[in-house]
Amino acid sequence: MNVVEQVDKIAAENHAQKVIGITMEIGEVSTIVPELFLDAFNWAKKRTSFLQKAELEMIIIEGRTYCRACGEIYCTTEYGKNVRTAAALKLFF
């Protein structure tokens, strides 16, 4: 897990005794599944020098989309989950 490796390396370079927490901002429409990422983090942190007891805080950043046609900004997932027809797709492109 690259995040755990990077934080462990930074902690070593800065002569830290331990890392107590990590805060990550994750985009709502990213490919990260928060529950699975947390499970992987908890598994990986046990295999490090500095993150053994670290907690992970994930801040989910809402997906926002700018519509060039009307100039509005809207919640990406609000429309992405409800688009069911080719006619509806034309409204959003």
C-alpha atoms as a PDB file:
ATOM      1  CA  MET A   1       0.000   0.000   0.000  1.00  0.00           C
ATOM      2  CA  ASN A   2       1.773   3.103  -1.240  1.00  0.00           C
ATOM      3  CA  VAL A   3       0.223   5.582   1.229  1.00  0.00           C
ATOM      4  CA  VAL A   4       1.385   3.576   4.245  1.00  0.00           C
ATOM      5  CA  GLU A   5       4.874   3.141   2.775  1.00  0.00           C
ATOM      6  CA  GLN A   6       5.169   6.871   2.039  1.00  0.00           C
ATOM      7  CA  VAL A   7       4.043   7.942   5.514  1.00  0.00           C
ATOM      8  CA  ASP A   8       6.321   5.388   7.166  1.00  0.00           C
ATOM      9  CA  LYS A   9       9.269   6.692   5.113  1.00  0.00           C
ATOM     10  CA  ILE A  10       8.484  10.342   5.949  1.00  0.00           C
ATOM     11  CA  ALA A  11       8.206   9.474   9.644  1.00  0.00           C
ATOM     12  CA  ALA A  12      11.634   7.794   9.549  1.00  0.00           C
ATOM     13  CA  GLU A  13      13.223  10.713   7.684  1.00  0.00           C
ATOM     14  CA  ASN A  14      11.890  13.130  10.309  1.00  0.00           C
ATOM     15  CA  HIS A  15      12.936  10.991  13.273  1.00  0.00           C
ATOM     16  CA  ALA A  16       9.344  10.602  14.468  1.00  0.00           C
ATOM     17  CA  GLN A  17       8.569   8.239  17.298  1.00  0.00           C
ATOM     18  CA  LYS A  18       5.194   7.284  15.870  1.00  0.00           C
ATOM     19  CA  VAL A  19       2.356   8.435  13.622  1.00  0.00           C
ATOM     20  CA  ILE A  20      -0.946   8.821  15.420  1.00  0.00           C
ATOM     21  CA  GLY A  21      -3.158   9.620  12.453  1.00  0.00           C
ATOM     22  CA  ILE A  22      -3.476  10.242   8.751  1.00  0.00           C
ATOM     23  CA  THR A  23      -6.128  12.403   7.108  1.00  0.00           C
ATOM     24  CA  MET A  24      -6.885  11.794   3.440  1.00  0.00           C
ATOM     25  CA  GLU A  25      -9.187  13.672   1.098  1.00  0.00           C
ATOM     26  CA  ILE A  26     -10.821  11.251  -1.322  1.00  0.00           C
ATOM     27  CA  GLY A  27     -12.930  12.283  -4.281  1.00  0.00           C
ATOM     28  CA  GLU A  28     -16.455  10.929  -4.250  1.00  0.00           C
ATOM     29  CA  VAL A  29     -16.102   9.767  -7.846  1.00  0.00           C
ATOM     30  CA  SER A  30     -12.607   8.331  -7.456  1.00  0.00           C
ATOM     31  CA  THR A  31     -12.042   4.606  -7.748  1.00  0.00           C
ATOM     32  CA  ILE A  32     -11.386   4.280  -4.007  1.00  0.00           C
ATOM     33  CA  VAL A  33     -13.980   2.354  -1.992  1.00  0.00           C
ATOM     34  CA  PRO A  34     -13.591   3.817   1.518  1.00  0.00           C
ATOM     35  CA  GLU A  35     -14.501   0.635   3.419  1.00  0.00           C
ATOM     36  CA  LEU A  36     -12.041  -1.482   1.424  1.00  0.00           C
ATOM     37  CA  PHE A  37      -9.321   1.154   1.675  1.00  0.00           C
ATOM     38  CA  LEU A  38      -9.736   1.271   5.455  1.00  0.00           C
ATOM     39  CA  ASP A  39      -9.440  -2.525   5.674  1.00  0.00           C
ATOM     40  CA  ALA A  40      -6.277  -2.446   3.556  1.00  0.00           C
ATOM     41  CA  PHE A  41      -4.854   0.403   5.632  1.00  0.00           C
ATOM     42  CA  ASN A  42      -5.473  -1.462   8.896  1.00  0.00           C
ATOM     43  CA  TRP A  43      -3.760  -4.549   7.478  1.00  0.00           C
ATOM     44  CA  ALA A  44      -0.768  -2.625   6.074  1.00  0.00           C
ATOM     45  CA  LYS A  45      -0.124  -0.393   9.089  1.00  0.00           C
ATOM     46  CA  LYS A  46       0.665  -3.444  11.233  1.00  0.00           C
ATOM     47  CA  ARG A  47       3.680  -4.111   9.032  1.00  0.00           C
ATOM     48  CA  THR A  48       5.306  -0.701   9.560  1.00  0.00           C
ATOM     49  CA  SER A  49       7.605   0.871  12.104  1.00  0.00           C
ATOM     50  CA  PHE A  50       5.656   4.048  12.830  1.00  0.00           C
ATOM     51  CA  LEU A  51       1.978   3.481  12.002  1.00  0.00           C
ATOM     52  CA  GLN A  52       1.113   0.543  14.252  1.00  0.00           C
ATOM     53  CA  LYS A  53      -1.593   2.470  16.146  1.00  0.00           C
ATOM     54  CA  ALA A  54      -2.347   5.176  13.586  1.00  0.00           C
ATOM     55  CA  GLU A  55      -5.944   6.038  12.779  1.00  0.00           C
ATOM     56  CA  LEU A  56      -7.114   6.884   9.265  1.00  0.00           C
ATOM     57  CA  GLU A  57      -9.581   9.721   8.683  1.00  0.00           C
ATOM     58  CA  MET A  58     -11.095   9.889   5.212  1.00  0.00           C
ATOM     59  CA  ILE A  59     -12.753  13.115   4.111  1.00  0.00           C
ATOM     60  CA  ILE A  60     -14.978  12.444   1.112  1.00  0.00           C
ATOM     61  CA  ILE A  61     -14.940  15.361  -1.333  1.00  0.00           C
ATOM     62  CA  GLU A  62     -18.195  15.761  -3.234  1.00  0.00           C
ATOM     63  CA  GLY A  63     -17.972  15.342  -6.997  1.00  0.00           C
ATOM     64  CA  ARG A  64     -18.890  18.579  -8.768  1.00  0.00           C
ATOM     65  CA  THR A  65     -19.421  19.006 -12.496  1.00  0.00           C
ATOM     66  CA  TYR A  66     -19.488  22.207 -14.519  1.00  0.00           C
ATOM     67  CA  CYS A  67     -21.996  22.247 -17.380  1.00  0.00           C
ATOM     68  CA  ARG A  68     -20.614  24.218 -20.330  1.00  0.00           C
ATOM     69  CA  ALA A  69     -24.074  24.493 -21.884  1.00  0.00           C
ATOM     70  CA  CYS A  70     -25.821  26.252 -18.996  1.00  0.00           C
ATOM     71  CA  GLY A  71     -22.898  27.372 -16.806  1.00  0.00           C
ATOM     72  CA  GLU A  72     -24.253  25.603 -13.714  1.00  0.00           C
ATOM     73  CA  ILE A  73     -22.257  23.508 -11.278  1.00  0.00           C
ATOM     74  CA  TYR A  74     -24.035  20.435  -9.962  1.00  0.00           C
ATOM     75  CA  CYS A  75     -23.396  17.327  -7.902  1.00  0.00           C
ATOM     76  CA  THR A  76     -21.899  14.763 -10.272  1.00  0.00           C
ATOM     77  CA  THR A  77     -23.370  11.721  -8.570  1.00  0.00           C
ATOM     78  CA  GLU A  78     -26.859  13.222  -8.404  1.00  0.00           C
ATOM     79  CA  TYR A  79     -27.186  12.907 -12.170  1.00  0.00           C
ATOM     80  CA  GLY A  80     -24.748  10.087 -12.784  1.00  0.00           C
ATOM     81  CA  LYS A  81     -26.853   7.634 -10.761  1.00  0.00           C
ATOM     82  CA  ASN A  82     -30.141   8.668 -12.375  1.00  0.00           C
ATOM     83  CA  VAL A  83     -29.215   8.692 -16.073  1.00  0.00           C
ATOM     84  CA  ARG A  84     -31.043   5.745 -17.611  1.00  0.00           C
ATOM     85  CA  THR A  85     -31.819   6.595 -21.222  1.00  0.00           C
ATOM     86  CA  ALA A  86     -29.994   7.870 -24.265  1.00  0.00           C
ATOM     87  CA  ALA A  87     -32.356  10.873 -24.276  1.00  0.00           C
ATOM     88  CA  ALA A  88     -31.362  11.730 -20.711  1.00  0.00           C
ATOM     89  CA  LEU A  89     -27.679  11.428 -21.605  1.00  0.00           C
ATOM     90  CA  LYS A  90     -28.105  14.119 -24.271  1.00  0.00           C
ATOM     91  CA  LEU A  91     -29.346  16.545 -21.612  1.00  0.00           C
ATOM     92  CA  PHE A  92     -26.082  16.303 -19.709  1.00  0.00           C
ATOM     93  CA  PHE A  93     -23.584  16.527 -22.544  1.00  0.00           C
END
